[in-house]
N, C-alpha and C. Protein backbone atom coordinates (compact mmCIF):
# COMPACT_ATOMS: atom_id res chain seq x y z
N UNK A 1 -46.82 92.42 20.67
CA UNK A 1 -47.08 92.13 19.28
C UNK A 1 -46.16 91.02 18.78
N UNK A 2 -45.61 90.26 19.71
CA UNK A 2 -44.76 89.13 19.33
C UNK A 2 -45.61 88.01 18.74
N UNK A 3 -45.20 87.49 17.61
CA UNK A 3 -45.85 86.31 17.05
C UNK A 3 -45.12 85.10 17.60
N UNK A 4 -45.89 84.14 18.11
CA UNK A 4 -45.31 83.00 18.79
C UNK A 4 -44.76 81.97 17.80
N UNK A 5 -43.95 81.06 18.33
CA UNK A 5 -43.41 79.95 17.54
C UNK A 5 -44.55 79.03 17.08
N UNK A 6 -44.35 78.38 15.93
CA UNK A 6 -45.29 77.37 15.46
C UNK A 6 -46.56 77.92 14.85
N UNK A 7 -46.63 79.22 14.61
CA UNK A 7 -47.86 79.82 14.06
C UNK A 7 -47.72 80.10 12.57
N UNK A 8 -46.60 80.66 12.17
CA UNK A 8 -46.42 81.09 10.79
C UNK A 8 -45.91 79.97 9.88
N UNK A 9 -46.22 80.09 8.60
CA UNK A 9 -45.77 79.09 7.62
C UNK A 9 -44.30 79.31 7.28
N UNK A 10 -43.69 78.28 6.67
CA UNK A 10 -42.30 78.34 6.30
C UNK A 10 -41.97 79.50 5.37
N UNK A 11 -42.73 79.69 4.28
CA UNK A 11 -42.42 80.81 3.38
C UNK A 11 -42.47 82.18 4.06
N UNK A 12 -43.43 82.37 4.97
CA UNK A 12 -43.53 83.64 5.67
C UNK A 12 -42.34 83.84 6.59
N UNK A 13 -41.93 82.77 7.27
CA UNK A 13 -40.77 82.85 8.16
C UNK A 13 -39.49 83.16 7.38
N UNK A 14 -39.30 82.48 6.26
CA UNK A 14 -38.10 82.70 5.45
C UNK A 14 -38.08 84.11 4.88
N UNK A 15 -39.22 84.58 4.41
CA UNK A 15 -39.31 85.94 3.88
C UNK A 15 -38.98 86.96 4.97
N UNK A 16 -39.50 86.73 6.17
CA UNK A 16 -39.23 87.62 7.29
C UNK A 16 -37.76 87.67 7.64
N UNK A 17 -37.11 86.52 7.65
CA UNK A 17 -35.68 86.45 7.96
C UNK A 17 -34.87 87.21 6.92
N UNK A 18 -35.19 86.98 5.63
CA UNK A 18 -34.44 87.63 4.55
C UNK A 18 -34.60 89.14 4.60
N UNK A 19 -35.84 89.61 4.77
CA UNK A 19 -36.09 91.06 4.78
C UNK A 19 -35.50 91.71 6.02
N UNK A 20 -35.60 91.03 7.16
CA UNK A 20 -35.02 91.57 8.39
C UNK A 20 -33.50 91.66 8.29
N UNK A 21 -32.88 90.65 7.66
CA UNK A 21 -31.43 90.67 7.47
C UNK A 21 -31.02 91.85 6.59
N UNK A 22 -31.79 92.11 5.54
CA UNK A 22 -31.49 93.25 4.66
C UNK A 22 -31.63 94.57 5.42
N UNK A 23 -32.73 94.69 6.16
CA UNK A 23 -32.95 95.92 6.92
C UNK A 23 -31.88 96.14 7.97
N UNK A 24 -31.46 95.06 8.62
CA UNK A 24 -30.42 95.17 9.65
C UNK A 24 -29.08 95.56 9.04
N UNK A 25 -28.78 95.00 7.87
CA UNK A 25 -27.52 95.35 7.19
C UNK A 25 -27.50 96.83 6.82
N UNK A 26 -28.62 97.33 6.31
CA UNK A 26 -28.71 98.75 5.98
C UNK A 26 -28.59 99.60 7.24
N UNK A 27 -29.29 99.16 8.31
CA UNK A 27 -29.25 99.90 9.56
C UNK A 27 -27.86 99.98 10.16
N UNK A 28 -27.12 98.87 10.13
CA UNK A 28 -25.76 98.87 10.66
C UNK A 28 -24.85 99.77 9.83
N UNK A 29 -25.08 99.79 8.53
CA UNK A 29 -24.26 100.63 7.65
C UNK A 29 -24.51 102.11 7.91
N UNK A 30 -25.77 102.45 8.20
CA UNK A 30 -26.14 103.85 8.41
C UNK A 30 -25.96 104.32 9.84
N UNK A 31 -25.77 103.40 10.78
CA UNK A 31 -25.65 103.77 12.19
C UNK A 31 -24.24 104.27 12.48
N UNK A 32 -24.12 105.53 12.81
CA UNK A 32 -22.82 106.11 13.13
C UNK A 32 -22.26 105.51 14.41
N UNK A 33 -20.93 105.41 14.45
CA UNK A 33 -20.27 104.88 15.64
C UNK A 33 -20.61 105.71 16.88
N UNK A 34 -20.71 107.01 16.72
CA UNK A 34 -21.01 107.90 17.83
C UNK A 34 -22.43 107.70 18.38
N UNK A 35 -23.29 107.08 17.60
CA UNK A 35 -24.67 106.90 18.01
C UNK A 35 -24.93 105.54 18.66
N UNK A 36 -23.89 104.72 18.81
CA UNK A 36 -24.07 103.39 19.39
C UNK A 36 -24.60 103.46 20.83
N UNK A 37 -24.07 104.34 21.70
CA UNK A 37 -24.65 104.44 23.06
C UNK A 37 -26.13 104.81 23.03
N UNK A 38 -26.49 105.72 22.13
CA UNK A 38 -27.89 106.12 21.98
C UNK A 38 -28.74 104.92 21.54
N UNK A 39 -28.21 104.15 20.58
CA UNK A 39 -28.92 102.97 20.10
C UNK A 39 -29.10 101.95 21.21
N UNK A 40 -28.08 101.79 22.06
CA UNK A 40 -28.16 100.84 23.17
C UNK A 40 -29.24 101.23 24.16
N UNK A 41 -29.34 102.52 24.46
CA UNK A 41 -30.38 103.00 25.39
C UNK A 41 -31.77 102.77 24.81
N UNK A 42 -31.94 103.04 23.52
CA UNK A 42 -33.24 102.83 22.89
C UNK A 42 -33.59 101.36 22.80
N UNK A 43 -32.60 100.51 22.57
CA UNK A 43 -32.84 99.07 22.55
C UNK A 43 -33.28 98.58 23.92
N UNK A 44 -32.63 99.10 24.98
CA UNK A 44 -33.02 98.73 26.34
C UNK A 44 -34.43 99.22 26.67
N UNK A 45 -34.77 100.43 26.20
CA UNK A 45 -36.11 100.98 26.43
C UNK A 45 -37.17 100.11 25.75
N UNK A 46 -36.88 99.73 24.50
CA UNK A 46 -37.79 98.84 23.78
C UNK A 46 -37.94 97.51 24.50
N UNK A 47 -36.82 96.97 24.95
CA UNK A 47 -36.81 95.68 25.66
C UNK A 47 -37.71 95.73 26.88
N UNK A 48 -37.56 96.76 27.70
CA UNK A 48 -38.34 96.87 28.94
C UNK A 48 -39.81 97.15 28.64
N UNK A 49 -40.08 98.09 27.72
CA UNK A 49 -41.46 98.48 27.43
C UNK A 49 -42.29 97.32 26.90
N UNK A 50 -41.69 96.48 26.06
CA UNK A 50 -42.45 95.39 25.46
C UNK A 50 -42.41 94.10 26.27
N UNK A 51 -41.81 94.14 27.47
CA UNK A 51 -41.85 92.96 28.33
C UNK A 51 -43.22 92.77 28.95
N UNK A 52 -43.91 93.88 29.24
CA UNK A 52 -45.23 93.80 29.86
C UNK A 52 -46.25 93.65 28.75
N UNK A 53 -46.76 92.45 28.56
CA UNK A 53 -47.65 92.21 27.43
C UNK A 53 -48.86 91.38 27.84
N UNK A 54 -49.94 91.54 27.07
CA UNK A 54 -51.18 90.80 27.28
C UNK A 54 -51.40 89.90 26.07
N UNK A 55 -51.43 88.57 26.24
CA UNK A 55 -51.62 87.66 25.10
C UNK A 55 -52.95 87.88 24.39
N UNK A 56 -52.91 87.95 23.06
CA UNK A 56 -54.11 88.04 22.23
C UNK A 56 -53.97 86.99 21.13
N UNK A 57 -54.51 85.79 21.35
CA UNK A 57 -54.39 84.72 20.37
C UNK A 57 -52.93 84.36 20.14
N UNK A 58 -52.49 84.33 18.86
CA UNK A 58 -51.09 84.00 18.57
C UNK A 58 -50.16 85.19 18.72
N UNK A 59 -50.67 86.34 19.12
CA UNK A 59 -49.84 87.53 19.28
C UNK A 59 -50.04 88.09 20.69
N UNK A 60 -49.64 89.36 20.91
CA UNK A 60 -49.78 89.97 22.23
C UNK A 60 -49.84 91.48 22.09
N UNK A 61 -50.37 92.13 23.12
CA UNK A 61 -50.50 93.59 23.13
C UNK A 61 -49.55 94.16 24.17
N UNK A 62 -48.76 95.17 23.78
CA UNK A 62 -47.84 95.79 24.71
C UNK A 62 -47.33 97.09 24.10
N UNK A 63 -46.67 97.91 24.90
CA UNK A 63 -46.03 99.10 24.36
C UNK A 63 -44.88 98.69 23.44
N UNK A 64 -44.62 99.50 22.43
CA UNK A 64 -43.58 99.17 21.46
C UNK A 64 -42.49 100.24 21.40
N UNK A 65 -42.89 101.50 21.32
CA UNK A 65 -41.96 102.64 21.22
C UNK A 65 -41.20 102.67 19.91
N UNK A 66 -41.68 101.97 18.90
CA UNK A 66 -40.95 101.96 17.63
C UNK A 66 -41.03 103.29 16.90
N UNK A 67 -42.06 104.09 17.21
CA UNK A 67 -42.16 105.40 16.57
C UNK A 67 -41.01 106.32 16.95
N UNK A 68 -40.76 106.45 18.24
CA UNK A 68 -39.68 107.33 18.70
C UNK A 68 -38.31 106.76 18.33
N UNK A 69 -38.19 105.42 18.33
CA UNK A 69 -36.94 104.80 17.90
C UNK A 69 -36.66 105.12 16.44
N UNK A 70 -37.70 105.04 15.61
CA UNK A 70 -37.55 105.37 14.20
C UNK A 70 -37.18 106.82 13.98
N UNK A 71 -37.81 107.74 14.73
CA UNK A 71 -37.50 109.16 14.59
C UNK A 71 -36.03 109.44 14.89
N UNK A 72 -35.51 108.80 15.92
CA UNK A 72 -34.15 109.10 16.37
C UNK A 72 -33.10 108.37 15.54
N UNK A 73 -33.38 107.12 15.14
CA UNK A 73 -32.35 106.30 14.50
C UNK A 73 -32.59 106.00 13.02
N UNK A 74 -33.79 106.20 12.52
CA UNK A 74 -34.06 105.85 11.13
C UNK A 74 -33.86 104.35 10.90
N UNK A 75 -33.03 104.01 9.91
CA UNK A 75 -32.77 102.60 9.60
C UNK A 75 -32.08 101.87 10.76
N UNK A 76 -31.46 102.62 11.65
CA UNK A 76 -30.84 102.01 12.82
C UNK A 76 -31.84 101.30 13.72
N UNK A 77 -33.13 101.53 13.50
CA UNK A 77 -34.16 100.84 14.28
C UNK A 77 -34.09 99.33 14.07
N UNK A 78 -33.65 98.90 12.89
CA UNK A 78 -33.61 97.45 12.61
C UNK A 78 -32.67 96.71 13.56
N UNK A 79 -31.38 97.05 13.63
CA UNK A 79 -30.51 96.30 14.56
C UNK A 79 -30.90 96.51 16.02
N UNK A 80 -31.40 97.70 16.37
CA UNK A 80 -31.81 97.98 17.75
C UNK A 80 -32.95 97.07 18.17
N UNK A 81 -33.96 96.97 17.34
CA UNK A 81 -35.13 96.14 17.66
C UNK A 81 -34.78 94.65 17.57
N UNK A 82 -33.93 94.28 16.60
CA UNK A 82 -33.51 92.88 16.47
C UNK A 82 -32.83 92.39 17.74
N UNK A 83 -31.91 93.18 18.28
CA UNK A 83 -31.19 92.79 19.49
C UNK A 83 -32.15 92.61 20.66
N UNK A 84 -33.06 93.57 20.83
CA UNK A 84 -34.02 93.49 21.94
C UNK A 84 -34.93 92.27 21.81
N UNK A 85 -35.41 92.00 20.61
CA UNK A 85 -36.29 90.84 20.39
C UNK A 85 -35.54 89.53 20.61
N UNK A 86 -34.29 89.48 20.17
CA UNK A 86 -33.49 88.26 20.36
C UNK A 86 -33.30 87.97 21.85
N UNK A 87 -33.02 89.01 22.63
CA UNK A 87 -32.85 88.82 24.08
C UNK A 87 -34.16 88.39 24.73
N UNK A 88 -35.26 88.96 24.30
CA UNK A 88 -36.56 88.57 24.85
C UNK A 88 -36.88 87.12 24.53
N UNK A 89 -36.55 86.70 23.31
CA UNK A 89 -36.82 85.32 22.90
C UNK A 89 -35.98 84.34 23.71
N UNK A 90 -34.72 84.67 23.92
CA UNK A 90 -33.81 83.77 24.63
C UNK A 90 -34.07 83.76 26.14
N UNK A 91 -34.27 84.94 26.71
CA UNK A 91 -34.38 85.04 28.16
C UNK A 91 -35.79 84.78 28.70
N UNK A 92 -36.81 85.19 27.92
CA UNK A 92 -38.18 85.11 28.43
C UNK A 92 -39.13 84.33 27.53
N UNK A 93 -38.63 83.79 26.43
CA UNK A 93 -39.44 83.02 25.49
C UNK A 93 -40.62 83.83 24.94
N UNK A 94 -40.43 85.15 24.77
CA UNK A 94 -41.41 85.98 24.10
C UNK A 94 -41.12 85.94 22.61
N UNK A 95 -42.13 85.64 21.81
CA UNK A 95 -41.89 85.47 20.38
C UNK A 95 -41.18 84.16 20.14
N UNK A 96 -40.01 84.21 19.56
CA UNK A 96 -39.26 82.98 19.32
C UNK A 96 -38.11 83.23 18.36
N UNK A 97 -37.25 82.24 18.23
CA UNK A 97 -36.10 82.37 17.34
C UNK A 97 -36.53 82.27 15.88
N UNK A 98 -37.42 81.33 15.57
CA UNK A 98 -37.84 81.17 14.17
C UNK A 98 -38.67 82.36 13.69
N UNK A 99 -39.37 83.02 14.60
CA UNK A 99 -40.20 84.17 14.22
C UNK A 99 -39.46 85.50 14.40
N UNK A 100 -38.18 85.44 14.73
CA UNK A 100 -37.42 86.66 15.00
C UNK A 100 -37.39 87.60 13.80
N UNK A 101 -37.24 87.03 12.60
CA UNK A 101 -37.21 87.87 11.41
C UNK A 101 -38.52 88.58 11.17
N UNK A 102 -39.63 87.86 11.26
CA UNK A 102 -40.95 88.46 11.04
C UNK A 102 -41.24 89.48 12.13
N UNK A 103 -40.97 89.15 13.39
CA UNK A 103 -41.22 90.09 14.48
C UNK A 103 -40.38 91.36 14.34
N UNK A 104 -39.15 91.20 13.87
CA UNK A 104 -38.30 92.37 13.64
C UNK A 104 -38.89 93.24 12.54
N UNK A 105 -39.33 92.61 11.46
CA UNK A 105 -39.92 93.36 10.35
C UNK A 105 -41.17 94.11 10.78
N UNK A 106 -42.04 93.45 11.53
CA UNK A 106 -43.31 94.08 11.89
C UNK A 106 -43.12 95.29 12.80
N UNK A 107 -42.01 95.35 13.52
CA UNK A 107 -41.80 96.48 14.43
C UNK A 107 -40.80 97.50 13.88
N UNK A 108 -39.81 97.06 13.12
CA UNK A 108 -38.77 97.97 12.64
C UNK A 108 -39.16 98.68 11.35
N UNK A 109 -39.85 98.00 10.45
CA UNK A 109 -40.22 98.66 9.19
C UNK A 109 -41.14 99.86 9.42
N UNK A 110 -42.16 99.75 10.29
CA UNK A 110 -42.97 100.94 10.59
C UNK A 110 -42.14 102.07 11.19
N UNK A 111 -41.10 101.72 11.96
CA UNK A 111 -40.23 102.75 12.55
C UNK A 111 -39.50 103.52 11.45
N UNK A 112 -39.02 102.81 10.45
CA UNK A 112 -38.32 103.46 9.33
C UNK A 112 -39.28 104.32 8.52
N UNK A 113 -40.47 103.80 8.26
CA UNK A 113 -41.47 104.57 7.53
C UNK A 113 -41.81 105.85 8.29
N UNK A 114 -41.92 105.73 9.62
CA UNK A 114 -42.24 106.90 10.45
C UNK A 114 -41.16 107.96 10.34
N UNK A 115 -39.91 107.52 10.26
CA UNK A 115 -38.79 108.45 10.13
C UNK A 115 -38.94 109.29 8.86
N UNK A 116 -39.27 108.64 7.75
CA UNK A 116 -39.38 109.36 6.49
C UNK A 116 -40.67 110.18 6.39
N UNK A 117 -41.73 109.71 7.04
CA UNK A 117 -43.01 110.42 6.97
C UNK A 117 -43.07 111.63 7.90
N UNK A 118 -42.50 111.49 9.09
CA UNK A 118 -42.69 112.53 10.12
C UNK A 118 -41.39 113.19 10.58
N UNK A 119 -40.24 112.67 10.15
CA UNK A 119 -38.97 113.18 10.63
C UNK A 119 -38.75 114.65 10.36
N UNK A 120 -39.15 115.13 9.19
CA UNK A 120 -38.93 116.53 8.83
C UNK A 120 -39.86 117.48 9.59
N UNK A 121 -40.94 116.93 10.16
CA UNK A 121 -41.94 117.78 10.80
C UNK A 121 -41.66 118.06 12.27
N UNK A 122 -40.86 117.19 12.93
CA UNK A 122 -40.66 117.37 14.38
C UNK A 122 -39.72 118.52 14.71
N UNK A 123 -39.12 119.13 13.70
CA UNK A 123 -38.27 120.30 13.94
C UNK A 123 -39.01 121.60 13.61
N UNK A 124 -40.28 121.49 13.22
CA UNK A 124 -41.07 122.67 12.91
C UNK A 124 -41.58 123.33 14.19
N UNK A 125 -42.47 124.31 14.06
CA UNK A 125 -43.02 124.97 15.23
C UNK A 125 -43.76 123.96 16.11
N UNK A 126 -43.88 124.24 17.41
CA UNK A 126 -44.40 123.24 18.37
C UNK A 126 -45.71 122.56 17.98
N UNK A 127 -46.67 123.33 17.47
CA UNK A 127 -47.96 122.72 17.12
C UNK A 127 -47.81 121.63 16.08
N UNK A 128 -47.06 121.93 15.03
CA UNK A 128 -46.84 120.95 13.97
C UNK A 128 -46.00 119.79 14.49
N UNK A 129 -44.95 120.10 15.25
CA UNK A 129 -44.03 119.07 15.73
C UNK A 129 -44.74 118.06 16.62
N UNK A 130 -45.54 118.54 17.56
CA UNK A 130 -46.20 117.62 18.49
C UNK A 130 -47.30 116.82 17.80
N UNK A 131 -47.99 117.44 16.86
CA UNK A 131 -48.99 116.70 16.09
C UNK A 131 -48.33 115.60 15.27
N UNK A 132 -47.19 115.94 14.66
CA UNK A 132 -46.45 114.95 13.86
C UNK A 132 -45.93 113.84 14.75
N UNK A 133 -45.47 114.19 15.96
CA UNK A 133 -44.96 113.17 16.87
C UNK A 133 -46.07 112.22 17.30
N UNK A 134 -47.24 112.76 17.61
CA UNK A 134 -48.37 111.90 17.97
C UNK A 134 -48.72 110.98 16.80
N UNK A 135 -48.80 111.55 15.61
CA UNK A 135 -49.12 110.75 14.43
C UNK A 135 -48.07 109.68 14.19
N UNK A 136 -46.81 110.01 14.45
CA UNK A 136 -45.72 109.06 14.28
C UNK A 136 -45.90 107.85 15.21
N UNK A 137 -46.14 108.13 16.49
CA UNK A 137 -46.32 107.04 17.45
C UNK A 137 -47.53 106.19 17.13
N UNK A 138 -48.64 106.85 16.76
CA UNK A 138 -49.87 106.12 16.46
C UNK A 138 -49.73 105.30 15.18
N UNK A 139 -49.17 105.93 14.14
CA UNK A 139 -49.02 105.25 12.85
C UNK A 139 -48.11 104.03 12.97
N UNK A 140 -47.01 104.17 13.70
CA UNK A 140 -46.04 103.07 13.78
C UNK A 140 -46.66 101.84 14.42
N UNK A 141 -47.52 102.03 15.42
CA UNK A 141 -48.17 100.88 16.06
C UNK A 141 -49.25 100.30 15.15
N UNK A 142 -50.03 101.17 14.52
CA UNK A 142 -51.07 100.69 13.61
C UNK A 142 -50.46 99.89 12.46
N UNK A 143 -49.39 100.42 11.87
CA UNK A 143 -48.71 99.74 10.77
C UNK A 143 -48.14 98.40 11.23
N UNK A 144 -47.56 98.38 12.44
CA UNK A 144 -47.02 97.13 12.98
C UNK A 144 -48.12 96.10 13.18
N UNK A 145 -49.26 96.52 13.74
CA UNK A 145 -50.38 95.60 13.94
C UNK A 145 -50.91 95.08 12.61
N UNK A 146 -50.97 95.97 11.61
CA UNK A 146 -51.42 95.55 10.28
C UNK A 146 -50.45 94.54 9.67
N UNK A 147 -49.15 94.72 9.89
CA UNK A 147 -48.17 93.78 9.36
C UNK A 147 -48.27 92.42 10.04
N UNK A 148 -48.54 92.43 11.35
CA UNK A 148 -48.77 91.15 12.05
C UNK A 148 -49.98 90.45 11.43
N UNK A 149 -51.04 91.23 11.18
CA UNK A 149 -52.22 90.66 10.55
C UNK A 149 -51.93 90.08 9.18
N UNK A 150 -51.11 90.77 8.39
CA UNK A 150 -50.75 90.26 7.07
C UNK A 150 -49.94 88.98 7.16
N UNK A 151 -49.01 88.94 8.12
CA UNK A 151 -48.20 87.73 8.29
C UNK A 151 -49.08 86.54 8.65
N UNK A 152 -50.05 86.77 9.50
CA UNK A 152 -50.97 85.69 9.89
C UNK A 152 -51.86 85.28 8.72
N UNK A 153 -52.35 86.27 7.96
CA UNK A 153 -53.24 85.97 6.84
C UNK A 153 -52.51 85.24 5.72
N UNK A 154 -51.25 85.61 5.44
CA UNK A 154 -50.47 84.92 4.41
C UNK A 154 -50.17 83.48 4.82
N UNK A 155 -50.17 83.23 6.12
CA UNK A 155 -49.93 81.87 6.61
C UNK A 155 -51.17 81.01 6.45
N UNK A 156 -52.32 81.57 6.81
CA UNK A 156 -53.57 80.80 6.76
C UNK A 156 -54.73 81.78 6.68
N UNK A 157 -55.60 81.60 5.69
CA UNK A 157 -56.73 82.51 5.52
C UNK A 157 -57.66 82.51 6.72
N UNK A 158 -57.70 81.40 7.45
CA UNK A 158 -58.56 81.32 8.63
C UNK A 158 -58.11 82.27 9.74
N UNK A 159 -56.88 82.79 9.62
CA UNK A 159 -56.36 83.74 10.61
C UNK A 159 -56.87 85.16 10.36
N UNK A 160 -57.70 85.35 9.33
CA UNK A 160 -58.13 86.70 8.97
C UNK A 160 -58.87 87.37 10.12
N UNK A 161 -59.76 86.63 10.78
CA UNK A 161 -60.51 87.20 11.91
C UNK A 161 -59.58 87.53 13.07
N UNK A 162 -58.58 86.66 13.27
CA UNK A 162 -57.59 86.93 14.33
C UNK A 162 -56.79 88.18 13.99
N UNK A 163 -56.52 88.38 12.70
CA UNK A 163 -55.78 89.57 12.27
C UNK A 163 -56.55 90.84 12.60
N UNK A 164 -57.87 90.81 12.36
CA UNK A 164 -58.70 91.96 12.73
C UNK A 164 -58.65 92.20 14.23
N UNK A 165 -58.68 91.11 15.00
CA UNK A 165 -58.64 91.22 16.45
C UNK A 165 -57.34 91.85 16.92
N UNK A 166 -56.23 91.49 16.27
CA UNK A 166 -54.93 92.05 16.65
C UNK A 166 -54.92 93.56 16.45
N UNK A 167 -55.45 94.02 15.31
CA UNK A 167 -55.49 95.46 15.04
C UNK A 167 -56.41 96.17 16.01
N UNK A 168 -57.60 95.63 16.23
CA UNK A 168 -58.56 96.26 17.13
C UNK A 168 -58.02 96.31 18.56
N UNK A 169 -57.37 95.24 18.99
CA UNK A 169 -56.84 95.19 20.36
C UNK A 169 -55.77 96.24 20.58
N UNK A 170 -55.13 96.69 19.52
CA UNK A 170 -54.06 97.68 19.65
C UNK A 170 -54.53 99.12 19.56
N UNK A 171 -55.83 99.34 19.42
CA UNK A 171 -56.34 100.71 19.33
C UNK A 171 -55.98 101.54 20.57
N UNK A 172 -56.15 101.01 21.80
CA UNK A 172 -55.71 101.80 22.96
C UNK A 172 -54.20 102.05 22.96
N UNK A 173 -53.43 101.06 22.51
CA UNK A 173 -51.97 101.21 22.45
C UNK A 173 -51.59 102.28 21.44
N UNK A 174 -52.33 102.36 20.34
CA UNK A 174 -52.06 103.36 19.31
C UNK A 174 -52.15 104.77 19.90
N UNK A 175 -53.19 105.01 20.69
CA UNK A 175 -53.37 106.33 21.31
C UNK A 175 -52.28 106.59 22.34
N UNK A 176 -52.00 105.59 23.18
CA UNK A 176 -50.98 105.75 24.23
C UNK A 176 -49.61 106.00 23.62
N UNK A 177 -49.27 105.24 22.57
CA UNK A 177 -47.97 105.43 21.92
C UNK A 177 -47.86 106.81 21.28
N UNK A 178 -48.97 107.30 20.73
CA UNK A 178 -48.96 108.64 20.18
C UNK A 178 -48.65 109.69 21.23
N UNK A 179 -49.28 109.55 22.40
CA UNK A 179 -49.05 110.49 23.50
C UNK A 179 -47.61 110.40 24.00
N UNK A 180 -47.11 109.17 24.18
CA UNK A 180 -45.74 108.99 24.66
C UNK A 180 -44.73 109.59 23.68
N UNK A 181 -44.95 109.35 22.38
CA UNK A 181 -44.02 109.88 21.37
C UNK A 181 -44.05 111.40 21.35
N UNK A 182 -45.24 111.98 21.47
CA UNK A 182 -45.34 113.45 21.52
C UNK A 182 -44.62 113.99 22.75
N UNK A 183 -44.77 113.33 23.89
CA UNK A 183 -44.08 113.77 25.11
C UNK A 183 -42.57 113.68 24.94
N UNK A 184 -42.09 112.58 24.37
CA UNK A 184 -40.64 112.41 24.16
C UNK A 184 -40.09 113.47 23.23
N UNK A 185 -40.81 113.76 22.16
CA UNK A 185 -40.34 114.78 21.21
C UNK A 185 -40.32 116.15 21.87
N UNK A 186 -41.37 116.47 22.64
CA UNK A 186 -41.40 117.76 23.33
C UNK A 186 -40.23 117.89 24.29
N UNK A 187 -39.91 116.80 24.98
CA UNK A 187 -38.80 116.81 25.93
C UNK A 187 -37.46 116.98 25.20
N UNK A 188 -37.26 116.21 24.13
CA UNK A 188 -36.00 116.28 23.39
C UNK A 188 -35.82 117.63 22.71
N UNK A 189 -36.89 118.26 22.27
CA UNK A 189 -36.78 119.59 21.66
C UNK A 189 -36.21 120.60 22.65
N UNK A 190 -36.45 120.37 23.94
CA UNK A 190 -35.98 121.30 24.96
C UNK A 190 -34.56 120.99 25.43
N UNK A 191 -34.26 119.69 25.62
CA UNK A 191 -32.99 119.34 26.26
C UNK A 191 -31.90 118.91 25.28
N UNK A 192 -32.28 118.23 24.19
CA UNK A 192 -31.27 117.77 23.23
C UNK A 192 -31.88 117.64 21.83
N UNK A 193 -32.19 118.77 21.22
CA UNK A 193 -32.88 118.74 19.93
C UNK A 193 -32.08 118.08 18.81
N UNK A 194 -30.75 118.01 18.95
CA UNK A 194 -29.96 117.40 17.88
C UNK A 194 -30.18 115.90 17.75
N UNK A 195 -30.88 115.30 18.70
CA UNK A 195 -31.23 113.88 18.58
C UNK A 195 -32.34 113.66 17.57
N UNK A 196 -33.09 114.72 17.26
CA UNK A 196 -34.21 114.61 16.35
C UNK A 196 -33.79 114.97 14.93
N UNK A 197 -34.41 114.37 13.93
CA UNK A 197 -34.04 114.68 12.54
C UNK A 197 -34.38 116.13 12.21
N UNK A 198 -33.54 116.77 11.44
CA UNK A 198 -33.77 118.15 11.04
C UNK A 198 -32.93 119.13 11.84
N UNK A 199 -32.80 118.91 13.14
CA UNK A 199 -32.07 119.85 13.99
C UNK A 199 -30.57 119.80 13.72
N UNK A 200 -30.04 118.60 13.49
CA UNK A 200 -28.60 118.47 13.29
C UNK A 200 -28.11 119.17 12.03
N UNK A 201 -29.04 119.44 11.12
CA UNK A 201 -28.67 120.08 9.86
C UNK A 201 -28.74 121.60 9.94
N UNK A 202 -29.25 122.11 11.08
CA UNK A 202 -29.40 123.56 11.19
C UNK A 202 -28.10 124.20 11.64
């Protein structure tokens, strides 16, 4: 879901940079020192998962894992995803430096929304928890694809059809991410439930 260099307009790029900087500042403030190793592992997971991608016009289709990152880190998803995207841009030319802010927003903001929407549910009984986890993974990808579409549409109205294509192309990824997130939550509930929101307060 990386947006390539030279596609977005100046105002969209500047807005993305400003909003991503704000989100990252909040994320760094809220990220506990003890959780830095956890954040590093999730950043590496995001980095590897989104390396395998299929180009779709000015964007691409790949696994994101922003749903599970959001569940575990909340606002900490911003610096985690920013670091991974920056390394991808520098090392593999995926996305780009000028689009780093927009790409960070499209992947990290859905992660934060997922934390607030589904975080309280993953500590409930298994049926509710796994359903919420699936919805979290699916929603985070759908929201991210919709944000990519909005960024393209705000740049040029002629990109509207491409925006629809980006969302449609991610439908299989939406289902896969939902399954992966549900599996991760089920696993964490058994081995380390305090990584999930709600458990640490019990």
